[in-house]
N, C-alpha and C. Protein backbone atom coordinates (compact mmCIF):
# COMPACT_ATOMS: atom_id res chain seq x y z
N MET A 1 29.13 1.08 -12.31
CA MET A 1 27.82 0.97 -11.65
C MET A 1 27.67 -0.44 -11.08
N PRO A 2 27.39 -0.56 -9.79
CA PRO A 2 27.29 -1.89 -9.18
C PRO A 2 26.06 -2.64 -9.69
N ASP A 3 26.15 -3.95 -9.71
CA ASP A 3 25.05 -4.80 -10.12
C ASP A 3 23.91 -4.66 -9.11
N THR A 4 22.67 -4.49 -9.61
CA THR A 4 21.53 -4.28 -8.72
C THR A 4 21.37 -5.44 -7.75
N ASP A 5 21.55 -6.68 -8.21
CA ASP A 5 21.42 -7.83 -7.30
C ASP A 5 22.42 -7.75 -6.15
N ASP A 6 23.64 -7.29 -6.45
CA ASP A 6 24.65 -7.14 -5.40
C ASP A 6 24.22 -6.08 -4.38
N VAL A 7 23.67 -4.98 -4.88
CA VAL A 7 23.21 -3.90 -3.99
C VAL A 7 22.03 -4.39 -3.15
N VAL A 8 21.09 -5.10 -3.77
CA VAL A 8 19.93 -5.64 -3.06
C VAL A 8 20.40 -6.56 -1.93
N GLU A 9 21.31 -7.47 -2.25
CA GLU A 9 21.81 -8.41 -1.24
C GLU A 9 22.56 -7.67 -0.13
N GLN A 10 23.35 -6.67 -0.50
CA GLN A 10 24.09 -5.89 0.49
C GLN A 10 23.11 -5.18 1.44
N ILE A 11 22.08 -4.57 0.88
CA ILE A 11 21.10 -3.86 1.71
C ILE A 11 20.39 -4.83 2.65
N LEU A 12 19.87 -5.92 2.11
CA LEU A 12 19.10 -6.86 2.93
C LEU A 12 19.94 -7.50 4.02
N SER A 13 21.22 -7.70 3.76
CA SER A 13 22.06 -8.38 4.75
C SER A 13 22.76 -7.41 5.71
N THR A 14 22.62 -6.09 5.47
CA THR A 14 23.30 -5.09 6.29
C THR A 14 22.38 -4.40 7.27
N TYR A 15 21.19 -4.04 6.81
CA TYR A 15 20.31 -3.19 7.62
C TYR A 15 19.35 -4.01 8.45
N GLU A 16 19.36 -3.78 9.78
CA GLU A 16 18.43 -4.47 10.68
C GLU A 16 17.10 -3.74 10.77
N THR A 17 17.11 -2.45 10.43
CA THR A 17 15.93 -1.60 10.55
C THR A 17 15.59 -1.03 9.18
N ILE A 18 14.28 -1.04 8.87
CA ILE A 18 13.79 -0.48 7.61
C ILE A 18 12.83 0.65 7.95
N THR A 19 13.16 1.86 7.53
CA THR A 19 12.28 3.00 7.70
C THR A 19 11.37 3.06 6.48
N VAL A 20 10.06 2.94 6.69
CA VAL A 20 9.11 2.80 5.59
C VAL A 20 8.31 4.09 5.41
N VAL A 21 8.63 4.84 4.36
CA VAL A 21 7.90 6.07 4.03
C VAL A 21 6.68 5.68 3.20
N GLY A 22 5.50 6.08 3.71
CA GLY A 22 4.26 5.70 3.03
C GLY A 22 3.68 4.42 3.58
N ALA A 23 4.13 3.99 4.75
CA ALA A 23 3.57 2.80 5.40
C ALA A 23 2.06 2.99 5.55
N SER A 24 1.31 1.91 5.38
CA SER A 24 -0.15 2.00 5.37
C SER A 24 -0.78 1.10 6.43
N ALA A 25 -1.91 1.57 6.96
CA ALA A 25 -2.70 0.77 7.90
C ALA A 25 -3.63 -0.19 7.18
N ALA A 26 -3.78 -0.03 5.87
CA ALA A 26 -4.73 -0.84 5.10
C ALA A 26 -4.10 -2.19 4.72
N PRO A 27 -4.61 -3.30 5.31
CA PRO A 27 -3.99 -4.62 5.09
C PRO A 27 -3.93 -5.05 3.62
N GLU A 28 -4.81 -4.51 2.77
CA GLU A 28 -4.81 -4.93 1.36
C GLU A 28 -3.70 -4.25 0.56
N LYS A 29 -3.05 -3.25 1.12
CA LYS A 29 -2.02 -2.52 0.38
C LYS A 29 -0.63 -3.12 0.61
N ALA A 30 0.17 -3.07 -0.45
CA ALA A 30 1.56 -3.54 -0.33
C ALA A 30 2.31 -2.75 0.74
N ALA A 31 1.95 -1.49 0.92
CA ALA A 31 2.62 -0.64 1.92
C ALA A 31 2.29 -1.08 3.35
N HIS A 32 1.40 -2.05 3.49
CA HIS A 32 1.12 -2.69 4.78
C HIS A 32 1.72 -4.10 4.80
N ARG A 33 1.44 -4.85 3.75
CA ARG A 33 1.88 -6.26 3.68
C ARG A 33 3.40 -6.41 3.71
N VAL A 34 4.10 -5.56 2.97
CA VAL A 34 5.56 -5.68 2.88
C VAL A 34 6.23 -5.41 4.23
N PRO A 35 5.90 -4.30 4.91
CA PRO A 35 6.53 -4.09 6.23
C PRO A 35 6.20 -5.22 7.22
N VAL A 36 4.96 -5.71 7.20
CA VAL A 36 4.60 -6.80 8.11
C VAL A 36 5.43 -8.05 7.81
N HIS A 37 5.58 -8.38 6.53
CA HIS A 37 6.40 -9.55 6.15
C HIS A 37 7.84 -9.38 6.63
N MET A 38 8.41 -8.21 6.38
CA MET A 38 9.80 -7.99 6.77
C MET A 38 9.93 -8.03 8.29
N GLN A 39 8.96 -7.48 9.00
CA GLN A 39 8.96 -7.51 10.46
C GLN A 39 8.88 -8.97 10.95
N ASN A 40 8.03 -9.75 10.31
CA ASN A 40 7.87 -11.16 10.69
C ASN A 40 9.13 -11.98 10.40
N HIS A 41 10.00 -11.46 9.55
CA HIS A 41 11.25 -12.14 9.22
C HIS A 41 12.46 -11.50 9.92
N GLY A 42 12.19 -10.70 10.94
CA GLY A 42 13.28 -10.25 11.80
C GLY A 42 13.74 -8.82 11.68
N TRP A 43 13.22 -8.10 10.69
CA TRP A 43 13.61 -6.70 10.55
C TRP A 43 12.76 -5.83 11.46
N ARG A 44 13.34 -4.76 11.97
CA ARG A 44 12.59 -3.75 12.72
C ARG A 44 12.07 -2.74 11.71
N ILE A 45 10.84 -2.30 11.91
CA ILE A 45 10.21 -1.34 11.01
C ILE A 45 9.99 -0.02 11.74
N ILE A 46 10.37 1.08 11.09
CA ILE A 46 10.03 2.42 11.57
C ILE A 46 9.08 3.02 10.52
N PRO A 47 7.78 3.10 10.84
CA PRO A 47 6.82 3.62 9.86
C PRO A 47 6.81 5.15 9.80
N VAL A 48 6.68 5.68 8.59
CA VAL A 48 6.53 7.11 8.37
C VAL A 48 5.23 7.31 7.61
N ASN A 49 4.30 8.05 8.25
CA ASN A 49 2.98 8.28 7.67
C ASN A 49 2.40 9.51 8.36
N PRO A 50 1.95 10.51 7.59
CA PRO A 50 1.47 11.74 8.23
C PRO A 50 0.15 11.60 8.98
N LYS A 51 -0.55 10.46 8.82
CA LYS A 51 -1.89 10.36 9.38
C LYS A 51 -2.05 9.31 10.48
N ALA A 52 -1.06 8.46 10.72
CA ALA A 52 -1.21 7.39 11.70
C ALA A 52 -0.35 7.66 12.92
N ASP A 53 -0.72 7.07 14.05
CA ASP A 53 0.07 7.20 15.28
C ASP A 53 0.86 5.93 15.58
N GLU A 54 0.28 4.78 15.19
CA GLU A 54 0.97 3.51 15.41
C GLU A 54 0.64 2.56 14.26
N LEU A 55 1.66 1.89 13.76
CA LEU A 55 1.51 0.86 12.74
C LEU A 55 2.46 -0.27 13.06
N PHE A 56 2.02 -1.50 12.87
CA PHE A 56 2.87 -2.69 13.06
C PHE A 56 3.43 -2.74 14.48
N GLY A 57 2.69 -2.16 15.44
CA GLY A 57 3.16 -2.14 16.82
C GLY A 57 4.28 -1.15 17.09
N GLU A 58 4.51 -0.24 16.14
CA GLU A 58 5.60 0.75 16.26
C GLU A 58 5.04 2.17 16.21
N LYS A 59 5.71 3.09 16.87
CA LYS A 59 5.36 4.51 16.79
C LYS A 59 5.58 4.98 15.36
N VAL A 60 4.64 5.78 14.87
CA VAL A 60 4.73 6.32 13.52
C VAL A 60 5.26 7.75 13.59
N TYR A 61 6.14 8.08 12.66
CA TYR A 61 6.67 9.44 12.55
C TYR A 61 6.04 10.10 11.33
N ARG A 62 5.84 11.41 11.41
CA ARG A 62 5.18 12.15 10.32
C ARG A 62 6.11 12.28 9.11
N VAL A 63 7.38 12.60 9.37
CA VAL A 63 8.38 12.77 8.30
C VAL A 63 9.71 12.18 8.78
N LEU A 64 10.60 11.94 7.86
CA LEU A 64 11.90 11.36 8.20
C LEU A 64 12.64 12.20 9.25
N ALA A 65 12.54 13.51 9.15
CA ALA A 65 13.27 14.39 10.06
C ALA A 65 12.81 14.24 11.52
N ASP A 66 11.63 13.68 11.73
CA ASP A 66 11.11 13.50 13.10
C ASP A 66 11.71 12.30 13.82
N ILE A 67 12.33 11.40 13.09
CA ILE A 67 12.85 10.16 13.69
C ILE A 67 14.06 10.51 14.57
N PRO A 68 14.00 10.13 15.86
CA PRO A 68 15.04 10.58 16.80
C PRO A 68 16.31 9.73 16.80
N GLU A 69 16.44 8.81 15.87
CA GLU A 69 17.64 7.97 15.81
C GLU A 69 18.20 8.01 14.40
N GLN A 70 19.38 7.45 14.25
CA GLN A 70 20.01 7.40 12.93
C GLN A 70 19.17 6.56 11.97
N VAL A 71 18.89 7.11 10.81
CA VAL A 71 18.15 6.40 9.77
C VAL A 71 19.16 5.75 8.84
N GLY A 72 18.95 4.48 8.49
CA GLY A 72 19.84 3.79 7.57
C GLY A 72 19.16 3.57 6.24
N LEU A 73 18.33 2.52 6.18
CA LEU A 73 17.61 2.16 4.96
C LEU A 73 16.23 2.82 4.96
N VAL A 74 15.95 3.57 3.90
CA VAL A 74 14.64 4.18 3.71
C VAL A 74 13.96 3.46 2.53
N ASP A 75 12.82 2.84 2.82
CA ASP A 75 12.02 2.12 1.83
C ASP A 75 10.80 2.97 1.50
N VAL A 76 10.52 3.17 0.21
CA VAL A 76 9.52 4.16 -0.20
C VAL A 76 8.33 3.51 -0.90
N PHE A 77 7.15 3.79 -0.35
CA PHE A 77 5.86 3.44 -0.95
C PHE A 77 5.10 4.72 -1.26
N ARG A 78 5.61 5.53 -2.14
CA ARG A 78 4.95 6.77 -2.57
C ARG A 78 5.07 6.84 -4.08
N PRO A 79 4.19 7.59 -4.74
CA PRO A 79 4.26 7.71 -6.20
C PRO A 79 5.62 8.26 -6.66
N SER A 80 6.03 7.83 -7.83
CA SER A 80 7.33 8.25 -8.38
C SER A 80 7.57 9.76 -8.31
N PRO A 81 6.57 10.62 -8.64
CA PRO A 81 6.83 12.06 -8.58
C PRO A 81 7.19 12.58 -7.18
N ASP A 82 6.80 11.84 -6.13
CA ASP A 82 7.11 12.25 -4.75
C ASP A 82 8.54 11.89 -4.34
N THR A 83 9.19 11.00 -5.09
CA THR A 83 10.43 10.41 -4.59
C THR A 83 11.65 11.33 -4.59
N PRO A 84 11.78 12.31 -5.49
CA PRO A 84 12.95 13.19 -5.36
C PRO A 84 12.96 13.92 -4.01
N GLU A 85 11.81 14.42 -3.57
CA GLU A 85 11.75 15.11 -2.28
C GLU A 85 12.06 14.13 -1.14
N ILE A 86 11.56 12.90 -1.24
CA ILE A 86 11.86 11.90 -0.22
C ILE A 86 13.36 11.59 -0.22
N ALA A 87 13.95 11.52 -1.42
CA ALA A 87 15.40 11.28 -1.52
C ALA A 87 16.16 12.41 -0.83
N ARG A 88 15.74 13.65 -1.04
CA ARG A 88 16.40 14.79 -0.38
C ARG A 88 16.25 14.68 1.13
N GLN A 89 15.06 14.31 1.60
CA GLN A 89 14.83 14.15 3.04
C GLN A 89 15.68 13.00 3.61
N ALA A 90 15.81 11.93 2.84
CA ALA A 90 16.62 10.78 3.29
C ALA A 90 18.09 11.21 3.44
N VAL A 91 18.59 11.94 2.47
CA VAL A 91 19.97 12.45 2.54
C VAL A 91 20.13 13.35 3.76
N ALA A 92 19.17 14.26 3.96
CA ALA A 92 19.23 15.19 5.09
C ALA A 92 19.18 14.45 6.43
N ALA A 93 18.46 13.32 6.47
CA ALA A 93 18.34 12.53 7.70
C ALA A 93 19.55 11.63 7.94
N GLY A 94 20.48 11.61 6.98
CA GLY A 94 21.68 10.80 7.14
C GLY A 94 21.53 9.36 6.72
N ALA A 95 20.47 9.07 5.95
CA ALA A 95 20.27 7.70 5.47
C ALA A 95 21.44 7.27 4.60
N THR A 96 21.67 5.96 4.53
CA THR A 96 22.76 5.44 3.71
C THR A 96 22.25 4.52 2.58
N ALA A 97 20.92 4.29 2.54
CA ALA A 97 20.34 3.49 1.46
C ALA A 97 18.92 3.96 1.20
N LEU A 98 18.54 3.98 -0.09
CA LEU A 98 17.19 4.35 -0.50
C LEU A 98 16.66 3.27 -1.42
N TRP A 99 15.46 2.76 -1.11
CA TRP A 99 14.85 1.67 -1.87
C TRP A 99 13.46 2.12 -2.30
N LEU A 100 13.22 2.19 -3.61
CA LEU A 100 11.90 2.49 -4.14
C LEU A 100 11.24 1.17 -4.51
N GLN A 101 10.04 0.95 -4.00
CA GLN A 101 9.35 -0.32 -4.18
C GLN A 101 8.97 -0.57 -5.64
N LEU A 102 8.46 -1.76 -5.90
CA LEU A 102 8.07 -2.21 -7.24
C LEU A 102 7.14 -1.19 -7.90
N GLY A 103 7.48 -0.81 -9.12
CA GLY A 103 6.66 0.13 -9.87
C GLY A 103 7.01 1.59 -9.63
N ILE A 104 7.98 1.85 -8.75
CA ILE A 104 8.38 3.22 -8.44
C ILE A 104 9.77 3.46 -9.01
N VAL A 105 9.86 4.43 -9.93
CA VAL A 105 11.12 4.72 -10.63
C VAL A 105 11.28 6.23 -10.71
N SER A 106 12.50 6.71 -10.47
CA SER A 106 12.74 8.14 -10.58
C SER A 106 14.22 8.41 -10.86
N PRO A 107 14.53 8.81 -12.10
CA PRO A 107 15.92 9.18 -12.39
C PRO A 107 16.41 10.30 -11.48
N GLU A 108 15.53 11.24 -11.12
CA GLU A 108 15.94 12.35 -10.26
C GLU A 108 16.25 11.85 -8.84
N ALA A 109 15.41 10.98 -8.31
CA ALA A 109 15.67 10.41 -6.97
C ALA A 109 16.97 9.61 -6.99
N ARG A 110 17.19 8.85 -8.07
CA ARG A 110 18.43 8.08 -8.20
C ARG A 110 19.64 9.01 -8.16
N LYS A 111 19.58 10.09 -8.91
CA LYS A 111 20.71 11.02 -8.96
C LYS A 111 20.96 11.64 -7.58
N ILE A 112 19.91 12.08 -6.91
CA ILE A 112 20.05 12.67 -5.57
C ILE A 112 20.71 11.67 -4.62
N ALA A 113 20.19 10.43 -4.63
CA ALA A 113 20.71 9.41 -3.72
C ALA A 113 22.16 9.05 -4.06
N GLU A 114 22.43 8.79 -5.32
CA GLU A 114 23.77 8.36 -5.71
C GLU A 114 24.80 9.48 -5.55
N ASP A 115 24.40 10.74 -5.82
CA ASP A 115 25.31 11.87 -5.62
C ASP A 115 25.70 12.01 -4.15
N ALA A 116 24.80 11.59 -3.27
CA ALA A 116 25.07 11.67 -1.83
C ALA A 116 25.72 10.39 -1.29
N GLY A 117 25.98 9.42 -2.19
CA GLY A 117 26.66 8.20 -1.78
C GLY A 117 25.76 7.12 -1.19
N LEU A 118 24.45 7.25 -1.37
CA LEU A 118 23.54 6.24 -0.85
C LEU A 118 23.50 5.01 -1.77
N LEU A 119 23.34 3.84 -1.17
CA LEU A 119 22.98 2.66 -1.95
C LEU A 119 21.59 2.92 -2.50
N TYR A 120 21.30 2.47 -3.72
CA TYR A 120 20.03 2.82 -4.34
C TYR A 120 19.46 1.64 -5.10
N VAL A 121 18.17 1.37 -4.85
CA VAL A 121 17.43 0.34 -5.58
C VAL A 121 16.08 0.94 -5.93
N GLU A 122 15.61 0.69 -7.16
CA GLU A 122 14.26 1.12 -7.53
C GLU A 122 13.55 0.00 -8.27
N ASP A 123 12.21 0.08 -8.25
CA ASP A 123 11.36 -0.87 -8.97
C ASP A 123 11.60 -2.32 -8.54
N ARG A 124 11.84 -2.52 -7.25
CA ARG A 124 12.01 -3.86 -6.69
C ARG A 124 11.20 -3.97 -5.41
N CYS A 125 10.69 -5.16 -5.13
CA CYS A 125 9.91 -5.41 -3.93
C CYS A 125 10.77 -6.11 -2.88
N LEU A 126 10.76 -5.59 -1.66
CA LEU A 126 11.54 -6.19 -0.58
C LEU A 126 11.20 -7.66 -0.37
N ILE A 127 9.91 -8.01 -0.38
CA ILE A 127 9.52 -9.41 -0.16
C ILE A 127 10.07 -10.30 -1.26
N ILE A 128 9.86 -9.90 -2.51
CA ILE A 128 10.32 -10.72 -3.65
C ILE A 128 11.83 -10.93 -3.56
N GLU A 129 12.56 -9.86 -3.28
CA GLU A 129 14.02 -9.96 -3.23
C GLU A 129 14.48 -10.77 -2.02
N GLN A 130 13.84 -10.58 -0.89
CA GLN A 130 14.21 -11.32 0.32
C GLN A 130 14.00 -12.82 0.09
N ARG A 131 12.88 -13.18 -0.52
CA ARG A 131 12.61 -14.59 -0.81
C ARG A 131 13.56 -15.14 -1.87
N ARG A 132 13.75 -14.37 -2.94
CA ARG A 132 14.59 -14.83 -4.07
C ARG A 132 16.03 -15.08 -3.62
N LEU A 133 16.55 -14.18 -2.78
CA LEU A 133 17.93 -14.30 -2.35
C LEU A 133 18.08 -15.13 -1.07
N GLY A 134 16.96 -15.43 -0.41
CA GLY A 134 17.00 -16.22 0.82
C GLY A 134 17.76 -15.53 1.93
N VAL A 135 17.66 -14.20 1.99
CA VAL A 135 18.40 -13.43 2.98
C VAL A 135 17.58 -13.30 4.26
N ALA A 136 18.22 -13.52 5.39
CA ALA A 136 17.58 -13.31 6.68
C ALA A 136 18.02 -11.98 7.25
N ALA A 137 17.21 -11.46 8.17
CA ALA A 137 17.57 -10.19 8.82
C ALA A 137 18.89 -10.34 9.54
N PRO A 138 19.75 -9.33 9.45
CA PRO A 138 21.01 -9.38 10.19
C PRO A 138 20.75 -9.37 11.69
N LYS A 139 21.59 -10.04 12.42
CA LYS A 139 21.40 -10.10 13.89
C LYS A 139 22.36 -9.15 14.56
């Protein structure tokens, strides 16, 4: 089993685009602050939210399957019980990495992702890890 810090660093230094499931329009929520921070540090954000049309200056997609380009990193801001289905959708969309934000843990989502060969991180915050490791967006 690879070291989580190694996987975190690999993800942050590999993926230029972060697809955010559960992205929020509410500035007080982490699901808004985290994508904005990552965008401000050079990452492109693809928001997924069933109720919004535009977030962070980007077109919003209702579900992962609606995204018309290859999905790489899927970052999840949804309750833990929702994550196995999101993991299945990420696999179906051809994603290669799944990241569950701080406080989100799912052995079932982990198994789905790892069985499909995805890089997997759970219970970690993109901002905290990006700052801690000093990683910049890949160019």
